[in-house]
Amino acid sequence: METADYQLKRGFYDLAVFSLEHALQLFLKAKLLANGVDYPRTPSVRALLEVLMEVAQEERSAIKHILDTYLMDLGVLEDASITSRYVMRDFRREEAERLARVVREVMEDLA
């Protein structure tokens, strides 16, 4: 998150979104490991949340709420990660800031 925050402040919105997706992906993989589950080899944060929902019973309702509330935003994060490798996609400040809020809220809800 620190890298994404730095990139946001400097106006590197494309890189910030890429960093946000990676931060959330690593956070979710760490949560899976903490629950004794080897995480699947997927870059999909939505898929990681679904696996976490199966194994972390106490967080099940929070994860369901996250998926219901932020499904589109999480999809944009996934697309940003994929397209950053193949196709240039420009993100506006407002988009990057919204995605940063989403990632923070997800991490706070599951911390």
PDB file of N, CA and C in Angstrom:
ATOM      1  N   MET A   1       0.812  -1.197   0.000  1.00  0.00           N
ATOM      2  CA  MET A   1       0.000   0.000   0.000  1.00  0.00           C
ATOM      3  C   MET A   1       0.853   1.258   0.000  1.00  0.00           C
ATOM      4  N   GLU A   2       1.998   1.199   0.642  1.00  0.00           N
ATOM      5  CA  GLU A   2       2.858   2.381   0.681  1.00  0.00           C
ATOM      6  C   GLU A   2       3.307   2.779  -0.724  1.00  0.00           C
ATOM      7  N   THR A   3       3.630   1.789  -1.528  1.00  0.00           N
ATOM      8  CA  THR A   3       4.053   2.075  -2.904  1.00  0.00           C
ATOM      9  C   THR A   3       2.912   2.718  -3.672  1.00  0.00           C
ATOM     10  N   ALA A   4       1.714   2.165  -3.544  1.00  0.00           N
ATOM     11  CA  ALA A   4       0.556   2.719  -4.230  1.00  0.00           C
ATOM     12  C   ALA A   4       0.272   4.147  -3.762  1.00  0.00           C
ATOM     13  N   ASP A   5       0.384   4.386  -2.455  1.00  0.00           N
ATOM     14  CA  ASP A   5       0.175   5.741  -1.928  1.00  0.00           C
ATOM     15  C   ASP A   5       1.180   6.721  -2.524  1.00  0.00           C
ATOM     16  N   TYR A   6       2.424   6.306  -2.598  1.00  0.00           N
ATOM     17  CA  TYR A   6       3.467   7.148  -3.187  1.00  0.00           C
ATOM     18  C   TYR A   6       3.138   7.446  -4.652  1.00  0.00           C
ATOM     19  N   GLN A   7       2.763   6.419  -5.379  1.00  0.00           N
ATOM     20  CA  GLN A   7       2.456   6.591  -6.797  1.00  0.00           C
ATOM     21  C   GLN A   7       1.237   7.486  -6.996  1.00  0.00           C
ATOM     22  N   LEU A   8       0.239   7.358  -6.140  1.00  0.00           N
ATOM     23  CA  LEU A   8      -0.931   8.236  -6.216  1.00  0.00           C
ATOM     24  C   LEU A   8      -0.539   9.694  -6.005  1.00  0.00           C
ATOM     25  N   LYS A   9       0.284   9.942  -4.992  1.00  0.00           N
ATOM     26  CA  LYS A   9       0.709  11.315  -4.701  1.00  0.00           C
ATOM     27  C   LYS A   9       1.510  11.920  -5.846  1.00  0.00           C
ATOM     28  N   ARG A  10       2.246  11.082  -6.558  1.00  0.00           N
ATOM     29  CA  ARG A  10       3.092  11.558  -7.658  1.00  0.00           C
ATOM     30  C   ARG A  10       2.355  11.613  -9.001  1.00  0.00           C
ATOM     31  N   GLY A  11       1.098  11.138  -9.020  1.00  0.00           N
ATOM     32  CA  GLY A  11       0.319  11.186 -10.254  1.00  0.00           C
ATOM     33  C   GLY A  11       0.541  10.012 -11.186  1.00  0.00           C
ATOM     34  N   PHE A  12       1.142   8.946 -10.677  1.00  0.00           N
ATOM     35  CA  PHE A  12       1.354   7.740 -11.476  1.00  0.00           C
ATOM     36  C   PHE A  12       0.170   6.790 -11.245  1.00  0.00           C
ATOM     37  N   TYR A  13      -0.976   7.165 -11.766  1.00  0.00           N
ATOM     38  CA  TYR A  13      -2.212   6.461 -11.448  1.00  0.00           C
ATOM     39  C   TYR A  13      -2.241   5.033 -11.983  1.00  0.00           C
ATOM     40  N   ASP A  14      -1.700   4.816 -13.186  1.00  0.00           N
ATOM     41  CA  ASP A  14      -1.665   3.464 -13.756  1.00  0.00           C
ATOM     42  C   ASP A  14      -0.848   2.535 -12.856  1.00  0.00           C
ATOM     43  N   LEU A  15       0.318   2.986 -12.466  1.00  0.00           N
ATOM     44  CA  LEU A  15       1.171   2.182 -11.588  1.00  0.00           C
ATOM     45  C   LEU A  15       0.531   1.983 -10.222  1.00  0.00           C
ATOM     46  N   ALA A  16      -0.147   2.997  -9.735  1.00  0.00           N
ATOM     47  CA  ALA A  16      -0.798   2.898  -8.428  1.00  0.00           C
ATOM     48  C   ALA A  16      -1.861   1.803  -8.441  1.00  0.00           C
ATOM     49  N   VAL A  17      -2.655   1.749  -9.500  1.00  0.00           N
ATOM     50  CA  VAL A  17      -3.699   0.729  -9.592  1.00  0.00           C
ATOM     51  C   VAL A  17      -3.072  -0.657  -9.666  1.00  0.00           C
ATOM     52  N   PHE A  18      -2.014  -0.794 -10.431  1.00  0.00           N
ATOM     53  CA  PHE A  18      -1.278  -2.055 -10.511  1.00  0.00           C
ATOM     54  C   PHE A  18      -0.769  -2.461  -9.119  1.00  0.00           C
ATOM     55  N   SER A  19      -0.202  -1.516  -8.392  1.00  0.00           N
ATOM     56  CA  SER A  19       0.316  -1.790  -7.048  1.00  0.00           C
ATOM     57  C   SER A  19      -0.801  -2.129  -6.070  1.00  0.00           C
ATOM     58  N   LEU A  20      -1.938  -1.485  -6.211  1.00  0.00           N
ATOM     59  CA  LEU A  20      -3.089  -1.783  -5.350  1.00  0.00           C
ATOM     60  C   LEU A  20      -3.552  -3.219  -5.537  1.00  0.00           C
ATOM     61  N   GLU A  21      -3.629  -3.655  -6.788  1.00  0.00           N
ATOM     62  CA  GLU A  21      -4.052  -5.026  -7.059  1.00  0.00           C
ATOM     63  C   GLU A  21      -3.072  -6.019  -6.454  1.00  0.00           C
ATOM     64  N   HIS A  22      -1.792  -5.756  -6.624  1.00  0.00           N
ATOM     65  CA  HIS A  22      -0.775  -6.659  -6.066  1.00  0.00           C
ATOM     66  C   HIS A  22      -0.808  -6.668  -4.540  1.00  0.00           C
ATOM     67  N   ALA A  23      -1.002  -5.509  -3.940  1.00  0.00           N
ATOM     68  CA  ALA A  23      -1.079  -5.440  -2.479  1.00  0.00           C
ATOM     69  C   ALA A  23      -2.255  -6.270  -1.970  1.00  0.00           C
ATOM     70  N   LEU A  24      -3.403  -6.143  -2.610  1.00  0.00           N
ATOM     71  CA  LEU A  24      -4.577  -6.899  -2.176  1.00  0.00           C
ATOM     72  C   LEU A  24      -4.383  -8.391  -2.424  1.00  0.00           C
ATOM     73  N   GLN A  25      -3.818  -8.736  -3.568  1.00  0.00           N
ATOM     74  CA  GLN A  25      -3.570 -10.144  -3.875  1.00  0.00           C
ATOM     75  C   GLN A  25      -2.652 -10.785  -2.831  1.00  0.00           C
ATOM     76  N   LEU A  26      -1.570 -10.115  -2.495  1.00  0.00           N
ATOM     77  CA  LEU A  26      -0.637 -10.648  -1.489  1.00  0.00           C
ATOM     78  C   LEU A  26      -1.280 -10.716  -0.105  1.00  0.00           C
ATOM     79  N   PHE A  27      -2.073  -9.716   0.237  1.00  0.00           N
ATOM     80  CA  PHE A  27      -2.791  -9.709   1.510  1.00  0.00           C
ATOM     81  C   PHE A  27      -3.704 -10.932   1.612  1.00  0.00           C
ATOM     82  N   LEU A  28      -4.462 -11.204   0.547  1.00  0.00           N
ATOM     83  CA  LEU A  28      -5.393 -12.332   0.553  1.00  0.00           C
ATOM     84  C   LEU A  28      -4.654 -13.667   0.600  1.00  0.00           C
ATOM     85  N   LYS A  29      -3.550 -13.765  -0.113  1.00  0.00           N
ATOM     86  CA  LYS A  29      -2.762 -14.998  -0.077  1.00  0.00           C
ATOM     87  C   LYS A  29      -2.185 -15.229   1.324  1.00  0.00           C
ATOM     88  N   ALA A  30      -1.773 -14.161   1.990  1.00  0.00           N
ATOM     89  CA  ALA A  30      -1.280 -14.282   3.365  1.00  0.00           C
ATOM     90  C   ALA A  30      -2.400 -14.724   4.299  1.00  0.00           C
ATOM     91  N   LYS A  31      -3.615 -14.207   4.096  1.00  0.00           N
ATOM     92  CA  LYS A  31      -4.762 -14.623   4.908  1.00  0.00           C
ATOM     93  C   LYS A  31      -5.048 -16.110   4.712  1.00  0.00           C
ATOM     94  N   LEU A  32      -4.948 -16.582   3.478  1.00  0.00           N
ATOM     95  CA  LEU A  32      -5.163 -18.005   3.221  1.00  0.00           C
ATOM     96  C   LEU A  32      -4.112 -18.851   3.928  1.00  0.00           C
ATOM     97  N   LEU A  33      -2.860 -18.438   3.829  1.00  0.00           N
ATOM     98  CA  LEU A  33      -1.788 -19.168   4.508  1.00  0.00           C
ATOM     99  C   LEU A  33      -2.006 -19.178   6.019  1.00  0.00           C
ATOM    100  N   ALA A  34      -2.463 -18.060   6.565  1.00  0.00           N
ATOM    101  CA  ALA A  34      -2.728 -17.977   8.003  1.00  0.00           C
ATOM    102  C   ALA A  34      -3.859 -18.922   8.419  1.00  0.00           C
ATOM    103  N   ASN A  35      -4.720 -19.253   7.474  1.00  0.00           N
ATOM    104  CA  ASN A  35      -5.807 -20.201   7.743  1.00  0.00           C
ATOM    105  C   ASN A  35      -5.414 -21.632   7.393  1.00  0.00           C
ATOM    106  N   GLY A  36      -4.123 -21.844   7.132  1.00  0.00           N
ATOM    107  CA  GLY A  36      -3.626 -23.185   6.873  1.00  0.00           C
ATOM    108  C   GLY A  36      -3.910 -23.714   5.487  1.00  0.00           C
ATOM    109  N   VAL A  37      -4.176 -22.815   4.550  1.00  0.00           N
ATOM    110  CA  VAL A  37      -4.519 -23.225   3.190  1.00  0.00           C
ATOM    111  C   VAL A  37      -3.469 -22.700   2.223  1.00  0.00           C
ATOM    112  N   ASP A  38      -2.959 -23.596   1.395  1.00  0.00           N
ATOM    113  CA  ASP A  38      -2.052 -23.165   0.334  1.00  0.00           C
ATOM    114  C   ASP A  38      -2.904 -22.470  -0.721  1.00  0.00           C
ATOM    115  N   TYR A  39      -2.588 -21.246  -1.025  1.00  0.00           N
ATOM    116  CA  TYR A  39      -3.422 -20.476  -1.934  1.00  0.00           C
ATOM    117  C   TYR A  39      -3.327 -21.011  -3.365  1.00  0.00           C
ATOM    118  N   PRO A  40      -4.423 -20.877  -4.103  1.00  0.00           N
ATOM    119  CA  PRO A  40      -4.411 -21.323  -5.497  1.00  0.00           C
ATOM    120  C   PRO A  40      -3.540 -20.409  -6.349  1.00  0.00           C
ATOM    121  N   ARG A  41      -3.007 -20.934  -7.394  1.00  0.00           N
ATOM    122  CA  ARG A  41      -2.169 -20.155  -8.319  1.00  0.00           C
ATOM    123  C   ARG A  41      -3.060 -19.366  -9.267  1.00  0.00           C
ATOM    124  N   THR A  42      -3.613 -18.298  -8.752  1.00  0.00           N
ATOM    125  CA  THR A  42      -4.489 -17.448  -9.545  1.00  0.00           C
ATOM    126  C   THR A  42      -4.197 -15.998  -9.219  1.00  0.00           C
ATOM    127  N   PRO A  43      -4.254 -15.140 -10.211  1.00  0.00           N
ATOM    128  CA  PRO A  43      -4.108 -13.711  -9.943  1.00  0.00           C
ATOM    129  C   PRO A  43      -5.442 -13.045  -9.598  1.00  0.00           C
ATOM    130  N   SER A  44      -6.516 -13.820  -9.559  1.00  0.00           N
ATOM    131  CA  SER A  44      -7.856 -13.261  -9.348  1.00  0.00           C
ATOM    132  C   SER A  44      -8.119 -12.995  -7.871  1.00  0.00           C
ATOM    133  N   VAL A  45      -8.278 -11.725  -7.521  1.00  0.00           N
ATOM    134  CA  VAL A  45      -8.592 -11.399  -6.127  1.00  0.00           C
ATOM    135  C   VAL A  45      -9.996 -11.886  -5.775  1.00  0.00           C
ATOM    136  N   ARG A  46     -10.891 -11.917  -6.753  1.00  0.00           N
ATOM    137  CA  ARG A  46     -12.239 -12.428  -6.482  1.00  0.00           C
ATOM    138  C   ARG A  46     -12.193 -13.921  -6.174  1.00  0.00           C
ATOM    139  N   ALA A  47     -11.396 -14.666  -6.931  1.00  0.00           N
ATOM    140  CA  ALA A  47     -11.263 -16.104  -6.672  1.00  0.00           C
ATOM    141  C   ALA A  47     -10.617 -16.347  -5.311  1.00  0.00           C
ATOM    142  N   LEU A  48      -9.620 -15.539  -4.969  1.00  0.00           N
ATOM    143  CA  LEU A  48      -8.978 -15.679  -3.657  1.00  0.00           C
ATOM    144  C   LEU A  48      -9.964 -15.396  -2.532  1.00  0.00           C
ATOM    145  N   LEU A  49     -10.807 -14.401  -2.705  1.00  0.00           N
ATOM    146  CA  LEU A  49     -11.828 -14.102  -1.699  1.00  0.00           C
ATOM    147  C   LEU A  49     -12.814 -15.258  -1.567  1.00  0.00           C
ATOM    148  N   GLU A  50     -13.175 -15.873  -2.676  1.00  0.00           N
ATOM    149  CA  GLU A  50     -14.110 -17.000  -2.620  1.00  0.00           C
ATOM    150  C   GLU A  50     -13.500 -18.189  -1.878  1.00  0.00           C
ATOM    151  N   VAL A  51     -12.222 -18.470  -2.118  1.00  0.00           N
ATOM    152  CA  VAL A  51     -11.552 -19.555  -1.389  1.00  0.00           C
ATOM    153  C   VAL A  51     -11.467 -19.198   0.090  1.00  0.00           C
ATOM    154  N   LEU A  52     -11.117 -17.966   0.393  1.00  0.00           N
ATOM    155  CA  LEU A  52     -11.028 -17.536   1.787  1.00  0.00           C
ATOM    156  C   LEU A  52     -12.385 -17.661   2.476  1.00  0.00           C
ATOM    157  N   MET A  53     -13.456 -17.371   1.767  1.00  0.00           N
ATOM    158  CA  MET A  53     -14.791 -17.476   2.347  1.00  0.00           C
ATOM    159  C   MET A  53     -15.104 -18.921   2.741  1.00  0.00           C
ATOM    160  N   GLU A  54     -14.582 -19.871   1.987  1.00  0.00           N
ATOM    161  CA  GLU A  54     -14.812 -21.287   2.295  1.00  0.00           C
ATOM    162  C   GLU A  54     -14.068 -21.737   3.548  1.00  0.00           C
ATOM    163  N   VAL A  55     -12.887 -21.179   3.791  1.00  0.00           N
ATOM    164  CA  VAL A  55     -12.047 -21.682   4.884  1.00  0.00           C
ATOM    165  C   VAL A  55     -12.085 -20.825   6.141  1.00  0.00           C
ATOM    166  N   ALA A  56     -12.431 -19.569   6.022  1.00  0.00           N
ATOM    167  CA  ALA A  56     -12.456 -18.661   7.177  1.00  0.00           C
ATOM    168  C   ALA A  56     -13.912 -18.411   7.580  1.00  0.00           C
ATOM    169  N   GLN A  57     -14.468 -19.353   8.299  1.00  0.00           N
ATOM    170  CA  GLN A  57     -15.889 -19.299   8.649  1.00  0.00           C
ATOM    171  C   GLN A  57     -16.275 -18.026   9.395  1.00  0.00           C
ATOM    172  N   GLU A  58     -15.403 -17.562  10.290  1.00  0.00           N
ATOM    173  CA  GLU A  58     -15.722 -16.371  11.084  1.00  0.00           C
ATOM    174  C   GLU A  58     -15.757 -15.096  10.244  1.00  0.00           C
ATOM    175  N   GLU A  59     -15.166 -15.134   9.067  1.00  0.00           N
ATOM    176  CA  GLU A  59     -15.142 -13.957   8.193  1.00  0.00           C
ATOM    177  C   GLU A  59     -16.069 -14.110   6.986  1.00  0.00           C
ATOM    178  N   ARG A  60     -16.831 -15.171   6.979  1.00  0.00           N
ATOM    179  CA  ARG A  60     -17.679 -15.500   5.827  1.00  0.00           C
ATOM    180  C   ARG A  60     -18.633 -14.359   5.448  1.00  0.00           C
ATOM    181  N   SER A  61     -19.330 -13.808   6.430  1.00  0.00           N
ATOM    182  CA  SER A  61     -20.293 -12.744   6.115  1.00  0.00           C
ATOM    183  C   SER A  61     -19.588 -11.473   5.643  1.00  0.00           C
ATOM    184  N   ALA A  62     -18.437 -11.171   6.221  1.00  0.00           N
ATOM    185  CA  ALA A  62     -17.680  -9.988   5.782  1.00  0.00           C
ATOM    186  C   ALA A  62     -17.206 -10.159   4.340  1.00  0.00           C
ATOM    187  N   ILE A  63     -16.746 -11.362   3.999  1.00  0.00           N
ATOM    188  CA  ILE A  63     -16.267 -11.609   2.634  1.00  0.00           C
ATOM    189  C   ILE A  63     -17.418 -11.558   1.646  1.00  0.00           C
ATOM    190  N   LYS A  64     -18.560 -12.121   2.027  1.00  0.00           N
ATOM    191  CA  LYS A  64     -19.731 -12.064   1.149  1.00  0.00           C
ATOM    192  C   LYS A  64     -20.127 -10.623   0.900  1.00  0.00           C
ATOM    193  N   HIS A  65     -20.106  -9.818   1.965  1.00  0.00           N
ATOM    194  CA  HIS A  65     -20.424  -8.391   1.823  1.00  0.00           C
ATOM    195  C   HIS A  65     -19.433  -7.701   0.883  1.00  0.00           C
ATOM    196  N   ILE A  66     -18.155  -8.013   1.032  1.00  0.00           N
ATOM    197  CA  ILE A  66     -17.125  -7.428   0.158  1.00  0.00           C
ATOM    198  C   ILE A  66     -17.393  -7.794  -1.296  1.00  0.00           C
ATOM    199  N   LEU A  67     -17.654  -9.066  -1.552  1.00  0.00           N
ATOM    200  CA  LEU A  67     -17.909  -9.502  -2.928  1.00  0.00           C
ATOM    201  C   LEU A  67     -19.167  -8.855  -3.499  1.00  0.00           C
ATOM    202  N   ASP A  68     -20.205  -8.756  -2.688  1.00  0.00           N
ATOM    203  CA  ASP A  68     -21.449  -8.135  -3.156  1.00  0.00           C
ATOM    204  C   ASP A  68     -21.280  -6.639  -3.410  1.00  0.00           C
ATOM    205  N   THR A  69     -20.546  -5.989  -2.541  1.00  0.00           N
ATOM    206  CA  THR A  69     -20.405  -4.528  -2.616  1.00  0.00           C
ATOM    207  C   THR A  69     -19.381  -4.077  -3.657  1.00  0.00           C
ATOM    208  N   TYR A  70     -18.270  -4.799  -3.746  1.00  0.00           N
ATOM    209  CA  TYR A  70     -17.144  -4.337  -4.559  1.00  0.00           C
ATOM    210  C   TYR A  70     -16.831  -5.222  -5.765  1.00  0.00           C
ATOM    211  N   LEU A  71     -17.799  -6.010  -6.215  1.00  0.00           N
ATOM    212  CA  LEU A  71     -17.544  -6.942  -7.310  1.00  0.00           C
ATOM    213  C   LEU A  71     -16.962  -6.239  -8.541  1.00  0.00           C
ATOM    214  N   MET A  72     -17.556  -5.143  -8.944  1.00  0.00           N
ATOM    215  CA  MET A  72     -17.084  -4.420 -10.137  1.00  0.00           C
ATOM    216  C   MET A  72     -15.695  -3.817  -9.901  1.00  0.00           C
ATOM    217  N   ASP A  73     -15.488  -3.230  -8.745  1.00  0.00           N
ATOM    218  CA  ASP A  73     -14.193  -2.625  -8.439  1.00  0.00           C
ATOM    219  C   ASP A  73     -13.081  -3.676  -8.422  1.00  0.00           C
ATOM    220  N   LEU A  74     -13.388  -4.833  -7.842  1.00  0.00           N
ATOM    221  CA  LEU A  74     -12.396  -5.912  -7.806  1.00  0.00           C
ATOM    222  C   LEU A  74     -12.091  -6.410  -9.217  1.00  0.00           C
ATOM    223  N   GLY A  75     -13.097  -6.438 -10.057  1.00  0.00           N
ATOM    224  CA  GLY A  75     -12.884  -6.808 -11.458  1.00  0.00           C
ATOM    225  C   GLY A  75     -11.997  -5.815 -12.180  1.00  0.00           C
ATOM    226  N   VAL A  76     -12.176  -4.531 -11.904  1.00  0.00           N
ATOM    227  CA  VAL A  76     -11.323  -3.496 -12.508  1.00  0.00           C
ATOM    228  C   VAL A  76      -9.876  -3.685 -12.061  1.00  0.00           C
ATOM    229  N   LEU A  77      -9.683  -4.005 -10.780  1.00  0.00           N
ATOM    230  CA  LEU A  77      -8.324  -4.259 -10.284  1.00  0.00           C
ATOM    231  C   LEU A  77      -7.687  -5.434 -11.017  1.00  0.00           C
ATOM    232  N   GLU A  78      -8.447  -6.508 -11.192  1.00  0.00           N
ATOM    233  CA  GLU A  78      -7.919  -7.673 -11.911  1.00  0.00           C
ATOM    234  C   GLU A  78      -7.563  -7.306 -13.346  1.00  0.00           C
ATOM    235  N   ASP A  79      -8.465  -6.587 -13.997  1.00  0.00           N
ATOM    236  CA  ASP A  79      -8.207  -6.172 -15.382  1.00  0.00           C
ATOM    237  C   ASP A  79      -6.968  -5.288 -15.474  1.00  0.00           C
ATOM    238  N   ALA A  80      -6.785  -4.431 -14.478  1.00  0.00           N
ATOM    239  CA  ALA A  80      -5.618  -3.550 -14.482  1.00  0.00           C
ATOM    240  C   ALA A  80      -4.329  -4.349 -14.416  1.00  0.00           C
ATOM    241  N   SER A  81      -4.335  -5.389 -13.627  1.00  0.00           N
ATOM    242  CA  SER A  81      -3.140  -6.218 -13.505  1.00  0.00           C
ATOM    243  C   SER A  81      -2.835  -6.932 -14.808  1.00  0.00           C
ATOM    244  N   ILE A  82      -3.860  -7.463 -15.453  1.00  0.00           N
ATOM    245  CA  ILE A  82      -3.675  -8.198 -16.708  1.00  0.00           C
ATOM    246  C   ILE A  82      -3.284  -7.252 -17.834  1.00  0.00           C
ATOM    247  N   THR A  83      -4.023  -6.165 -17.990  1.00  0.00           N
ATOM    248  CA  THR A  83      -3.767  -5.273 -19.114  1.00  0.00           C
ATOM    249  C   THR A  83      -2.448  -4.517 -18.978  1.00  0.00           C
ATOM    250  N   SER A  84      -1.977  -4.346 -17.751  1.00  0.00           N
ATOM    251  CA  SER A  84      -0.714  -3.614 -17.579  1.00  0.00           C
ATOM    252  C   SER A  84       0.443  -4.334 -18.268  1.00  0.00           C
ATOM    253  N   ARG A  85       0.295  -5.611 -18.461  1.00  0.00           N
ATOM    254  CA  ARG A  85       1.349  -6.394 -19.108  1.00  0.00           C
ATOM    255  C   ARG A  85       1.238  -6.379 -20.629  1.00  0.00           C
ATOM    256  N   TYR A  86       0.041  -6.097 -21.141  1.00  0.00           N
ATOM    257  CA  TYR A  86      -0.177  -6.264 -22.577  1.00  0.00           C
ATOM    258  C   TYR A  86      -0.700  -5.020 -23.289  1.00  0.00           C
ATOM    259  N   VAL A  87      -1.579  -4.282 -22.654  1.00  0.00           N
ATOM    260  CA  VAL A  87      -2.219  -3.132 -23.289  1.00  0.00           C
ATOM    261  C   VAL A  87      -2.159  -1.945 -22.334  1.00  0.00           C
ATOM    262  N   MET A  88      -1.785  -0.807 -22.841  1.00  0.00           N
ATOM    263  CA  MET A  88      -1.721   0.390 -21.998  1.00  0.00           C
ATOM    264  C   MET A  88      -3.137   0.869 -21.677  1.00  0.00           C
ATOM    265  N   ARG A  89      -3.404   1.093 -20.415  1.00  0.00           N
ATOM    266  CA  ARG A  89      -4.697   1.599 -19.957  1.00  0.00           C
ATOM    267  C   ARG A  89      -4.430   2.768 -19.033  1.00  0.00           C
ATOM    268  N   ASP A  90      -4.978   3.913 -19.358  1.00  0.00           N
ATOM    269  CA  ASP A  90      -4.806   5.097 -18.526  1.00  0.00           C
ATOM    270  C   ASP A  90      -5.903   5.163 -17.470  1.00  0.00           C
ATOM    271  N   PHE A  91      -5.491   5.339 -16.237  1.00  0.00           N
ATOM    272  CA  PHE A  91      -6.438   5.522 -15.147  1.00  0.00           C
ATOM    273  C   PHE A  91      -6.427   6.984 -14.731  1.00  0.00           C
ATOM    274  N   ARG A  92      -7.589   7.501 -14.447  1.00  0.00           N
ATOM    275  CA  ARG A  92      -7.708   8.863 -13.945  1.00  0.00           C
ATOM    276  C   ARG A  92      -7.510   8.854 -12.431  1.00  0.00           C
ATOM    277  N   ARG A  93      -7.198  10.019 -11.899  1.00  0.00           N
ATOM    278  CA  ARG A  93      -6.978  10.152 -10.460  1.00  0.00           C
ATOM    279  C   ARG A  93      -8.171   9.633  -9.672  1.00  0.00           C
ATOM    280  N   GLU A  94      -9.375   9.993 -10.096  1.00  0.00           N
ATOM    281  CA  GLU A  94     -10.580   9.590  -9.373  1.00  0.00           C
ATOM    282  C   GLU A  94     -10.734   8.061  -9.342  1.00  0.00           C
ATOM    283  N   GLU A  95     -10.398   7.426 -10.443  1.00  0.00           N
ATOM    284  CA  GLU A  95     -10.487   5.960 -10.488  1.00  0.00           C
ATOM    285  C   GLU A  95      -9.492   5.331  -9.521  1.00  0.00           C
ATOM    286  N   ALA A  96      -8.267   5.808  -9.570  1.00  0.00           N
ATOM    287  CA  ALA A  96      -7.218   5.260  -8.711  1.00  0.00           C
ATOM    288  C   ALA A  96      -7.548   5.495  -7.240  1.00  0.00           C
ATOM    289  N   GLU A  97      -8.059   6.666  -6.919  1.00  0.00           N
ATOM    290  CA  GLU A  97      -8.412   6.961  -5.525  1.00  0.00           C
ATOM    291  C   GLU A  97      -9.572   6.092  -5.047  1.00  0.00           C
ATOM    292  N   ARG A  98     -10.546   5.870  -5.915  1.00  0.00           N
ATOM    293  CA  ARG A  98     -11.670   4.995  -5.549  1.00  0.00           C
ATOM    294  C   ARG A  98     -11.167   3.582  -5.290  1.00  0.00           C
ATOM    295  N   LEU A  99     -10.317   3.069  -6.174  1.00  0.00           N
ATOM    296  CA  LEU A  99      -9.796   1.717  -6.000  1.00  0.00           C
ATOM    297  C   LEU A  99      -8.933   1.620  -4.743  1.00  0.00           C
ATOM    298  N   ALA A 100      -8.212   2.673  -4.417  1.00  0.00           N
ATOM    299  CA  ALA A 100      -7.417   2.686  -3.187  1.00  0.00           C
ATOM    300  C   ALA A 100      -8.330   2.589  -1.971  1.00  0.00           C
ATOM    301  N   ARG A 101      -9.453   3.298  -2.001  1.00  0.00           N
ATOM    302  CA  ARG A 101     -10.422   3.215  -0.891  1.00  0.00           C
ATOM    303  C   ARG A 101     -10.981   1.795  -0.758  1.00  0.00           C
ATOM    304  N   VAL A 102     -11.286   1.185  -1.893  1.00  0.00           N
ATOM    305  CA  VAL A 102     -11.825  -0.177  -1.881  1.00  0.00           C
ATOM    306  C   VAL A 102     -10.812  -1.146  -1.272  1.00  0.00           C
ATOM    307  N   VAL A 103      -9.573  -1.070  -1.727  1.00  0.00           N
ATOM    308  CA  VAL A 103      -8.538  -1.977  -1.222  1.00  0.00           C
ATOM    309  C   VAL A 103      -8.342  -1.771   0.275  1.00  0.00           C
ATOM    310  N   ARG A 104      -8.305  -0.532   0.723  1.00  0.00           N
ATOM    311  CA  ARG A 104      -8.156  -0.254   2.165  1.00  0.00           C
ATOM    312  C   ARG A 104      -9.314  -0.838   2.963  1.00  0.00           C
ATOM    313  N   GLU A 105     -10.530  -0.647   2.463  1.00  0.00           N
ATOM    314  CA  GLU A 105     -11.704  -1.150   3.167  1.00  0.00           C
ATOM    315  C   GLU A 105     -11.698  -2.669   3.237  1.00  0.00           C
ATOM    316  N   VAL A 106     -11.325  -3.328   2.145  1.00  0.00           N
ATOM    317  CA  VAL A 106     -11.257  -4.789   2.145  1.00  0.00           C
ATOM    318  C   VAL A 106     -10.227  -5.254   3.175  1.00  0.00           C
ATOM    319  N   MET A 107      -9.057  -4.646   3.152  1.00  0.00           N
ATOM    320  CA  MET A 107      -8.002  -5.043   4.087  1.00  0.00           C
ATOM    321  C   MET A 107      -8.408  -4.771   5.535  1.00  0.00           C
ATOM    322  N   GLU A 108      -9.048  -3.651   5.778  1.00  0.00           N
ATOM    323  CA  GLU A 108      -9.487  -3.331   7.143  1.00  0.00           C
ATOM    324  C   GLU A 108     -10.581  -4.290   7.611  1.00  0.00           C
ATOM    325  N   ASP A 109     -11.509  -4.629   6.723  1.00  0.00           N
ATOM    326  CA  ASP A 109     -12.593  -5.532   7.086  1.00  0.00           C
ATOM    327  C   ASP A 109     -12.087  -6.941   7.399  1.00  0.00           C
ATOM    328  N   LEU A 110     -10.988  -7.326   6.790  1.00  0.00           N
ATOM    329  CA  LEU A 110     -10.468  -8.687   6.975  1.00  0.00           C
ATOM    330  C   LEU A 110      -9.234  -8.760   7.869  1.00  0.00           C
ATOM    331  N   ALA A 111      -8.789  -7.624   8.377  1.00  0.00           N
ATOM    332  CA  ALA A 111      -7.579  -7.610   9.218  1.00  0.00           C
ATOM    333  C   ALA A 111      -7.807  -8.317  10.530  1.00  0.00           C
TER     334      ALA A 111
END
